[in-house]
Amino acid sequence: MTKAVALLSGGLDSQLAIRLIQDQGIEVVGVNFSSPFFGESLWVEKAAQNLGIKVHTIHFGEEYLDLLKNPRYGFGKNLNPCIDCHGLM
């Protein structure tokens, strides 16, 4: 069976995207990120149960805080202010 990895926030958009992938017969594994600012979400676990998928939570800690203090690509002055966080994920 074909497999896919999907980012799962627990919100409606990520759940709908996963359901569309599942409807194509693709097995999905969810990935969620937690940070010092936003811990683990009960919504994520509930969404994973409703979708019938496993979810892996990746915890950002010091590495994330260091990135916020010293972003490689600047403090939101370039084309994509989120490029550092996206790169970390």
PDB file of N, CA and C in Angstrom:
ATOM      1  N   MET A   1       0.838  -1.185   0.000  1.00  0.00           N
ATOM      2  CA  MET A   1       0.000   0.000   0.000  1.00  0.00           C
ATOM      3  C   MET A   1       0.883   1.248   0.000  1.00  0.00           C
ATOM      4  N   THR A   2       0.471   2.246  -0.756  1.00  0.00           N
ATOM      5  CA  THR A   2       1.169   3.524  -0.796  1.00  0.00           C
ATOM      6  C   THR A   2       0.960   4.245   0.524  1.00  0.00           C
ATOM      7  N   LYS A   3       2.011   4.939   0.994  1.00  0.00           N
ATOM      8  CA  LYS A   3       1.931   5.651   2.266  1.00  0.00           C
ATOM      9  C   LYS A   3       2.256   7.122   2.066  1.00  0.00           C
ATOM     10  N   ALA A   4       1.714   7.949   2.964  1.00  0.00           N
ATOM     11  CA  ALA A   4       1.974   9.389   2.928  1.00  0.00           C
ATOM     12  C   ALA A   4       2.146   9.901   4.351  1.00  0.00           C
ATOM     13  N   VAL A   5       2.893  10.968   4.476  1.00  0.00           N
ATOM     14  CA  VAL A   5       3.048  11.674   5.743  1.00  0.00           C
ATOM     15  C   VAL A   5       2.302  12.993   5.603  1.00  0.00           C
ATOM     16  N   ALA A   6       1.512  13.334   6.619  1.00  0.00           N
ATOM     17  CA  ALA A   6       0.748  14.580   6.577  1.00  0.00           C
ATOM     18  C   ALA A   6       0.942  15.348   7.874  1.00  0.00           C
ATOM     19  N   LEU A   7       1.074  16.655   7.755  1.00  0.00           N
ATOM     20  CA  LEU A   7       1.121  17.493   8.945  1.00  0.00           C
ATOM     21  C   LEU A   7      -0.288  17.590   9.506  1.00  0.00           C
ATOM     22  N   LEU A   8      -0.417  17.317  10.790  1.00  0.00           N
ATOM     23  CA  LEU A   8      -1.731  17.306  11.437  1.00  0.00           C
ATOM     24  C   LEU A   8      -1.742  18.320  12.570  1.00  0.00           C
ATOM     25  N   SER A   9      -2.482  19.407  12.358  1.00  0.00           N
ATOM     26  CA  SER A   9      -2.586  20.433  13.389  1.00  0.00           C
ATOM     27  C   SER A   9      -3.754  20.158  14.326  1.00  0.00           C
ATOM     28  N   GLY A  10      -4.688  19.366  13.866  1.00  0.00           N
ATOM     29  CA  GLY A  10      -5.911  19.144  14.622  1.00  0.00           C
ATOM     30  C   GLY A  10      -7.045  19.998  14.092  1.00  0.00           C
ATOM     31  N   GLY A  11      -6.713  20.941  13.209  1.00  0.00           N
ATOM     32  CA  GLY A  11      -7.716  21.816  12.613  1.00  0.00           C
ATOM     33  C   GLY A  11      -8.430  21.145  11.445  1.00  0.00           C
ATOM     34  N   LEU A  12      -9.428  21.822  10.944  1.00  0.00           N
ATOM     35  CA  LEU A  12     -10.266  21.268   9.879  1.00  0.00           C
ATOM     36  C   LEU A  12      -9.492  21.037   8.579  1.00  0.00           C
ATOM     37  N   ASP A  13      -8.641  21.989   8.193  1.00  0.00           N
ATOM     38  CA  ASP A  13      -7.926  21.865   6.915  1.00  0.00           C
ATOM     39  C   ASP A  13      -7.065  20.615   6.850  1.00  0.00           C
ATOM     40  N   SER A  14      -6.281  20.377   7.894  1.00  0.00           N
ATOM     41  CA  SER A  14      -5.397  19.206   7.858  1.00  0.00           C
ATOM     42  C   SER A  14      -6.205  17.911   7.897  1.00  0.00           C
ATOM     43  N   GLN A  15      -7.314  17.906   8.625  1.00  0.00           N
ATOM     44  CA  GLN A  15      -8.146  16.706   8.670  1.00  0.00           C
ATOM     45  C   GLN A  15      -8.786  16.418   7.312  1.00  0.00           C
ATOM     46  N   LEU A  16      -9.260  17.452   6.644  1.00  0.00           N
ATOM     47  CA  LEU A  16      -9.862  17.262   5.317  1.00  0.00           C
ATOM     48  C   LEU A  16      -8.824  16.792   4.301  1.00  0.00           C
ATOM     49  N   ALA A  17      -7.619  17.358   4.378  1.00  0.00           N
ATOM     50  CA  ALA A  17      -6.555  16.942   3.462  1.00  0.00           C
ATOM     51  C   ALA A  17      -6.226  15.466   3.666  1.00  0.00           C
ATOM     52  N   ILE A  18      -6.154  15.043   4.920  1.00  0.00           N
ATOM     53  CA  ILE A  18      -5.860  13.638   5.215  1.00  0.00           C
ATOM     54  C   ILE A  18      -6.983  12.739   4.715  1.00  0.00           C
ATOM     55  N   ARG A  19      -8.214  13.154   4.920  1.00  0.00           N
ATOM     56  CA  ARG A  19      -9.352  12.342   4.461  1.00  0.00           C
ATOM     57  C   ARG A  19      -9.333  12.195   2.934  1.00  0.00           C
ATOM     58  N   LEU A  20      -8.989  13.252   2.226  1.00  0.00           N
ATOM     59  CA  LEU A  20      -8.898  13.177   0.760  1.00  0.00           C
ATOM     60  C   LEU A  20      -7.806  12.204   0.323  1.00  0.00           C
ATOM     61  N   ILE A  21      -6.704  12.199   1.036  1.00  0.00           N
ATOM     62  CA  ILE A  21      -5.617  11.263   0.722  1.00  0.00           C
ATOM     63  C   ILE A  21      -6.072   9.834   1.001  1.00  0.00           C
ATOM     64  N   GLN A  22      -6.731   9.628   2.141  1.00  0.00           N
ATOM     65  CA  GLN A  22      -7.228   8.289   2.488  1.00  0.00           C
ATOM     66  C   GLN A  22      -8.241   7.793   1.459  1.00  0.00           C
ATOM     67  N   ASP A  23      -9.074   8.698   0.957  1.00  0.00           N
ATOM     68  CA  ASP A  23     -10.084   8.312  -0.033  1.00  0.00           C
ATOM     69  C   ASP A  23      -9.461   7.780  -1.324  1.00  0.00           C
ATOM     70  N   GLN A  24      -8.188   8.055  -1.527  1.00  0.00           N
ATOM     71  CA  GLN A  24      -7.467   7.548  -2.697  1.00  0.00           C
ATOM     72  C   GLN A  24      -6.776   6.216  -2.403  1.00  0.00           C
ATOM     73  N   GLY A  25      -7.047   5.669  -1.211  1.00  0.00           N
ATOM     74  CA  GLY A  25      -6.468   4.384  -0.844  1.00  0.00           C
ATOM     75  C   GLY A  25      -5.045   4.473  -0.334  1.00  0.00           C
ATOM     76  N   ILE A  26      -4.650   5.648   0.115  1.00  0.00           N
ATOM     77  CA  ILE A  26      -3.291   5.860   0.602  1.00  0.00           C
ATOM     78  C   ILE A  26      -3.303   5.857   2.127  1.00  0.00           C
ATOM     79  N   GLU A  27      -2.378   5.108   2.717  1.00  0.00           N
ATOM     80  CA  GLU A  27      -2.246   5.063   4.175  1.00  0.00           C
ATOM     81  C   GLU A  27      -1.519   6.325   4.636  1.00  0.00           C
ATOM     82  N   VAL A  28      -2.049   6.980   5.659  1.00  0.00           N
ATOM     83  CA  VAL A  28      -1.495   8.250   6.129  1.00  0.00           C
ATOM     84  C   VAL A  28      -0.970   8.111   7.555  1.00  0.00           C
ATOM     85  N   VAL A  29       0.190   8.708   7.786  1.00  0.00           N
ATOM     86  CA  VAL A  29       0.753   8.849   9.126  1.00  0.00           C
ATOM     87  C   VAL A  29       0.827  10.347   9.399  1.00  0.00           C
ATOM     88  N   GLY A  30       0.334  10.776  10.545  1.00  0.00           N
ATOM     89  CA  GLY A  30       0.330  12.195  10.885  1.00  0.00           C
ATOM     90  C   GLY A  30       1.566  12.609  11.655  1.00  0.00           C
ATOM     91  N   VAL A  31       1.961  13.855  11.446  1.00  0.00           N
ATOM     92  CA  VAL A  31       3.062  14.458  12.190  1.00  0.00           C
ATOM     93  C   VAL A  31       2.562  15.783  12.740  1.00  0.00           C
ATOM     94  N   ASN A  32       2.858  16.021  14.011  1.00  0.00           N
ATOM     95  CA  ASN A  32       2.467  17.257  14.668  1.00  0.00           C
ATOM     96  C   ASN A  32       3.689  17.819  15.374  1.00  0.00           C
ATOM     97  N   PHE A  33       3.782  19.139  15.435  1.00  0.00           N
ATOM     98  CA  PHE A  33       4.896  19.791  16.110  1.00  0.00           C
ATOM     99  C   PHE A  33       4.378  20.528  17.337  1.00  0.00           C
ATOM    100  N   SER A  34       5.088  20.395  18.452  1.00  0.00           N
ATOM    101  CA  SER A  34       4.755  21.179  19.638  1.00  0.00           C
ATOM    102  C   SER A  34       5.970  22.023  19.989  1.00  0.00           C
ATOM    103  N   SER A  35       5.717  23.192  20.548  1.00  0.00           N
ATOM    104  CA  SER A  35       6.796  24.116  20.887  1.00  0.00           C
ATOM    105  C   SER A  35       6.622  24.576  22.329  1.00  0.00           C
ATOM    106  N   PRO A  36       7.600  25.326  22.833  1.00  0.00           N
ATOM    107  CA  PRO A  36       7.435  25.863  24.186  1.00  0.00           C
ATOM    108  C   PRO A  36       6.219  26.781  24.305  1.00  0.00           C
ATOM    109  N   PHE A  37       5.759  27.331  23.182  1.00  0.00           N
ATOM    110  CA  PHE A  37       4.617  28.241  23.195  1.00  0.00           C
ATOM    111  C   PHE A  37       3.288  27.512  23.063  1.00  0.00           C
ATOM    112  N   PHE A  38       3.301  26.406  22.350  1.00  0.00           N
ATOM    113  CA  PHE A  38       2.097  25.609  22.143  1.00  0.00           C
ATOM    114  C   PHE A  38       2.452  24.163  22.423  1.00  0.00           C
ATOM    115  N   GLY A  39       1.987  23.645  23.526  1.00  0.00           N
ATOM    116  CA  GLY A  39       2.283  22.262  23.884  1.00  0.00           C
ATOM    117  C   GLY A  39       1.472  21.288  23.055  1.00  0.00           C
ATOM    118  N   GLU A  40       1.425  20.070  23.520  1.00  0.00           N
ATOM    119  CA  GLU A  40       0.658  19.050  22.811  1.00  0.00           C
ATOM    120  C   GLU A  40      -0.826  19.398  22.848  1.00  0.00           C
ATOM    121  N   SER A  41      -1.497  19.135  21.758  1.00  0.00           N
ATOM    122  CA  SER A  41      -2.909  19.481  21.622  1.00  0.00           C
ATOM    123  C   SER A  41      -3.782  18.241  21.748  1.00  0.00           C
ATOM    124  N   LEU A  42      -4.810  18.339  22.566  1.00  0.00           N
ATOM    125  CA  LEU A  42      -5.777  17.246  22.662  1.00  0.00           C
ATOM    126  C   LEU A  42      -6.548  17.101  21.356  1.00  0.00           C
ATOM    127  N   TRP A  43      -6.668  18.212  20.605  1.00  0.00           N
ATOM    128  CA  TRP A  43      -7.359  18.168  19.315  1.00  0.00           C
ATOM    129  C   TRP A  43      -6.641  17.243  18.344  1.00  0.00           C
ATOM    130  N   VAL A  44      -5.320  17.224  18.421  1.00  0.00           N
ATOM    131  CA  VAL A  44      -4.533  16.396  17.500  1.00  0.00           C
ATOM    132  C   VAL A  44      -4.811  14.925  17.758  1.00  0.00           C
ATOM    133  N   GLU A  45      -4.789  14.522  19.012  1.00  0.00           N
ATOM    134  CA  GLU A  45      -5.059  13.117  19.352  1.00  0.00           C
ATOM    135  C   GLU A  45      -6.479  12.724  18.949  1.00  0.00           C
ATOM    136  N   LYS A  46      -7.418  13.617  19.215  1.00  0.00           N
ATOM    137  CA  LYS A  46      -8.815  13.326  18.857  1.00  0.00           C
ATOM    138  C   LYS A  46      -8.972  13.221  17.337  1.00  0.00           C
ATOM    139  N   ALA A  47      -8.338  14.132  16.602  1.00  0.00           N
ATOM    140  CA  ALA A  47      -8.409  14.093  15.136  1.00  0.00           C
ATOM    141  C   ALA A  47      -7.793  12.805  14.605  1.00  0.00           C
ATOM    142  N   ALA A  48      -6.656  12.409  15.165  1.00  0.00           N
ATOM    143  CA  ALA A  48      -5.989  11.178  14.724  1.00  0.00           C
ATOM    144  C   ALA A  48      -6.890   9.969  14.962  1.00  0.00           C
ATOM    145  N   GLN A  49      -7.557   9.936  16.106  1.00  0.00           N
ATOM    146  CA  GLN A  49      -8.478   8.829  16.400  1.00  0.00           C
ATOM    147  C   GLN A  49      -9.631   8.816  15.400  1.00  0.00           C
ATOM    148  N   ASN A  50     -10.207   9.992  15.137  1.00  0.00           N
ATOM    149  CA  ASN A  50     -11.329  10.076  14.194  1.00  0.00           C
ATOM    150  C   ASN A  50     -10.929   9.650  12.785  1.00  0.00           C
ATOM    151  N   LEU A  51      -9.676   9.927  12.421  1.00  0.00           N
ATOM    152  CA  LEU A  51      -9.190   9.583  11.086  1.00  0.00           C
ATOM    153  C   LEU A  51      -8.635   8.165  11.015  1.00  0.00           C
ATOM    154  N   GLY A  52      -8.434   7.564  12.177  1.00  0.00           N
ATOM    155  CA  GLY A  52      -7.889   6.209  12.213  1.00  0.00           C
ATOM    156  C   GLY A  52      -6.424   6.146  11.811  1.00  0.00           C
ATOM    157  N   ILE A  53      -5.661   7.174  12.202  1.00  0.00           N
ATOM    158  CA  ILE A  53      -4.240   7.200  11.848  1.00  0.00           C
ATOM    159  C   ILE A  53      -3.375   7.300  13.095  1.00  0.00           C
ATOM    160  N   LYS A  54      -2.112   6.951  12.932  1.00  0.00           N
ATOM    161  CA  LYS A  54      -1.122   7.173  13.983  1.00  0.00           C
ATOM    162  C   LYS A  54      -0.589   8.586  13.804  1.00  0.00           C
ATOM    163  N   VAL A  55      -0.264   9.234  14.919  1.00  0.00           N
ATOM    164  CA  VAL A  55       0.329  10.569  14.841  1.00  0.00           C
ATOM    165  C   VAL A  55       1.587  10.594  15.702  1.00  0.00           C
ATOM    166  N   HIS A  56       2.625  11.201  15.162  1.00  0.00           N
ATOM    167  CA  HIS A  56       3.887  11.362  15.878  1.00  0.00           C
ATOM    168  C   HIS A  56       4.053  12.846  16.189  1.00  0.00           C
ATOM    169  N   THR A  57       4.293  13.163  17.454  1.00  0.00           N
ATOM    170  CA  THR A  57       4.501  14.550  17.851  1.00  0.00           C
ATOM    171  C   THR A  57       5.991  14.797  18.015  1.00  0.00           C
ATOM    172  N   ILE A  58       6.461  15.848  17.364  1.00  0.00           N
ATOM    173  CA  ILE A  58       7.860  16.250  17.459  1.00  0.00           C
ATOM    174  C   ILE A  58       7.906  17.492  18.335  1.00  0.00           C
ATOM    175  N   HIS A  59       8.695  17.424  19.390  1.00  0.00           N
ATOM    176  CA  HIS A  59       8.790  18.518  20.352  1.00  0.00           C
ATOM    177  C   HIS A  59       9.972  19.419  20.010  1.00  0.00           C
ATOM    178  N   PHE A  60       9.685  20.699  19.796  1.00  0.00           N
ATOM    179  CA  PHE A  60      10.747  21.684  19.611  1.00  0.00           C
ATOM    180  C   PHE A  60      11.068  22.265  20.975  1.00  0.00           C
ATOM    181  N   GLY A  61      12.316  22.461  21.266  1.00  0.00           N
ATOM    182  CA  GLY A  61      12.711  23.037  22.547  1.00  0.00           C
ATOM    183  C   GLY A  61      13.734  24.124  22.336  1.00  0.00           C
ATOM    184  N   GLU A  62      14.926  23.892  22.878  1.00  0.00           N
ATOM    185  CA  GLU A  62      16.002  24.876  22.791  1.00  0.00           C
ATOM    186  C   GLU A  62      16.346  25.229  21.348  1.00  0.00           C
ATOM    187  N   GLU A  63      16.339  24.228  20.482  1.00  0.00           N
ATOM    188  CA  GLU A  63      16.666  24.476  19.076  1.00  0.00           C
ATOM    189  C   GLU A  63      15.710  25.512  18.473  1.00  0.00           C
ATOM    190  N   TYR A  64      14.436  25.404  18.809  1.00  0.00           N
ATOM    191  CA  TYR A  64      13.429  26.329  18.297  1.00  0.00           C
ATOM    192  C   TYR A  64      13.625  27.726  18.882  1.00  0.00           C
ATOM    193  N   LEU A  65      13.882  27.790  20.180  1.00  0.00           N
ATOM    194  CA  LEU A  65      14.100  29.086  20.823  1.00  0.00           C
ATOM    195  C   LEU A  65      15.341  29.769  20.260  1.00  0.00           C
ATOM    196  N   ASP A  66      16.404  29.003  20.017  1.00  0.00           N
ATOM    197  CA  ASP A  66      17.615  29.566  19.411  1.00  0.00           C
ATOM    198  C   ASP A  66      17.320  30.124  18.027  1.00  0.00           C
ATOM    199  N   LEU A  67      16.513  29.412  17.264  1.00  0.00           N
ATOM    200  CA  LEU A  67      16.150  29.861  15.920  1.00  0.00           C
ATOM    201  C   LEU A  67      15.378  31.177  15.984  1.00  0.00           C
ATOM    202  N   LEU A  68      14.487  31.317  16.953  1.00  0.00           N
ATOM    203  CA  LEU A  68      13.712  32.549  17.083  1.00  0.00           C
ATOM    204  C   LEU A  68      14.592  33.727  17.472  1.00  0.00           C
ATOM    205  N   LYS A  69      15.592  33.466  18.305  1.00  0.00           N
ATOM    206  CA  LYS A  69      16.492  34.534  18.748  1.00  0.00           C
ATOM    207  C   LYS A  69      17.467  34.948  17.651  1.00  0.00           C
ATOM    208  N   ASN A  70      17.888  33.996  16.835  1.00  0.00           N
ATOM    209  CA  ASN A  70      18.891  34.250  15.799  1.00  0.00           C
ATOM    210  C   ASN A  70      18.481  33.609  14.477  1.00  0.00           C
ATOM    211  N   PRO A  71      17.439  34.122  13.821  1.00  0.00           N
ATOM    212  CA  PRO A  71      17.003  33.503  12.568  1.00  0.00           C
ATOM    213  C   PRO A  71      18.041  33.696  11.465  1.00  0.00           C
ATOM    214  N   ARG A  72      18.342  32.632  10.785  1.00  0.00           N
ATOM    215  CA  ARG A  72      19.345  32.661   9.723  1.00  0.00           C
ATOM    216  C   ARG A  72      18.957  33.631   8.607  1.00  0.00           C
ATOM    217  N   TYR A  73      17.668  33.685   8.292  1.00  0.00           N
ATOM    218  CA  TYR A  73      17.208  34.507   7.173  1.00  0.00           C
ATOM    219  C   TYR A  73      16.608  35.836   7.612  1.00  0.00           C
ATOM    220  N   GLY A  74      16.868  36.254   8.818  1.00  0.00           N
ATOM    221  CA  GLY A  74      16.431  37.568   9.275  1.00  0.00           C
ATOM    222  C   GLY A  74      15.101  37.549   9.995  1.00  0.00           C
ATOM    223  N   PHE A  75      14.744  38.691  10.500  1.00  0.00           N
ATOM    224  CA  PHE A  75      13.537  38.839  11.301  1.00  0.00           C
ATOM    225  C   PHE A  75      12.347  39.256  10.445  1.00  0.00           C
ATOM    226  N   GLY A  76      11.967  38.421   9.504  1.00  0.00           N
ATOM    227  CA  GLY A  76      10.788  38.682   8.688  1.00  0.00           C
ATOM    228  C   GLY A  76      10.982  39.755   7.641  1.00  0.00           C
ATOM    229  N   LYS A  77      12.227  40.044   7.285  1.00  0.00           N
ATOM    230  CA  LYS A  77      12.440  41.087   6.299  1.00  0.00           C
ATOM    231  C   LYS A  77      12.579  40.562   4.880  1.00  0.00           C
ATOM    232  N   ASN A  78      12.635  39.266   4.710  1.00  0.00           N
ATOM    233  CA  ASN A  78      12.778  38.697   3.373  1.00  0.00           C
ATOM    234  C   ASN A  78      11.412  38.334   2.798  1.00  0.00           C
ATOM    235  N   LEU A  79      11.406  37.678   1.651  1.00  0.00           N
ATOM    236  CA  LEU A  79      10.146  37.334   0.991  1.00  0.00           C
ATOM    237  C   LEU A  79       9.239  36.474   1.855  1.00  0.00           C
ATOM    238  N   ASN A  80       9.809  35.537   2.589  1.00  0.00           N
ATOM    239  CA  ASN A  80       9.005  34.628   3.405  1.00  0.00           C
ATOM    240  C   ASN A  80       9.489  34.687   4.847  1.00  0.00           C
ATOM    241  N   PRO A  81       8.779  35.419   5.713  1.00  0.00           N
ATOM    242  CA  PRO A  81       9.249  35.554   7.092  1.00  0.00           C
ATOM    243  C   PRO A  81       9.222  34.253   7.884  1.00  0.00           C
ATOM    244  N   CYS A  82       8.581  33.224   7.378  1.00  0.00           N
ATOM    245  CA  CYS A  82       8.485  31.945   8.095  1.00  0.00           C
ATOM    246  C   CYS A  82       9.503  30.924   7.600  1.00  0.00           C
ATOM    247  N   ILE A  83      10.419  31.327   6.752  1.00  0.00           N
ATOM    248  CA  ILE A  83      11.320  30.369   6.115  1.00  0.00           C
ATOM    249  C   ILE A  83      12.170  29.609   7.133  1.00  0.00           C
ATOM    250  N   ASP A  84      12.591  30.267   8.202  1.00  0.00           N
ATOM    251  CA  ASP A  84      13.407  29.585   9.209  1.00  0.00           C
ATOM    252  C   ASP A  84      12.628  28.476   9.905  1.00  0.00           C
ATOM    253  N   CYS A  85      11.392  28.774  10.308  1.00  0.00           N
ATOM    254  CA  CYS A  85      10.573  27.756  10.986  1.00  0.00           C
ATOM    255  C   CYS A  85      10.235  26.607  10.043  1.00  0.00           C
ATOM    256  N   HIS A  86       9.918  26.927   8.807  1.00  0.00           N
ATOM    257  CA  HIS A  86       9.599  25.873   7.834  1.00  0.00           C
ATOM    258  C   HIS A  86      10.806  24.987   7.600  1.00  0.00           C
ATOM    259  N   GLY A  87      11.981  25.584   7.552  1.00  0.00           N
ATOM    260  CA  GLY A  87      13.201  24.801   7.383  1.00  0.00           C
ATOM    261  C   GLY A  87      13.453  23.875   8.551  1.00  0.00           C
ATOM    262  N   LEU A  88      13.137  24.332   9.746  1.00  0.00           N
ATOM    263  CA  LEU A  88      13.319  23.498  10.937  1.00  0.00           C
ATOM    264  C   LEU A  88      12.383  22.302  10.918  1.00  0.00           C
ATOM    265  N   MET A  89      11.156  22.532  10.440  1.00  0.00           N
ATOM    266  CA  MET A  89      10.199  21.426  10.382  1.00  0.00           C
ATOM    267  C   MET A  89      10.633  20.409   9.355  1.00  0.00           C
TER     268      MET A  89
END
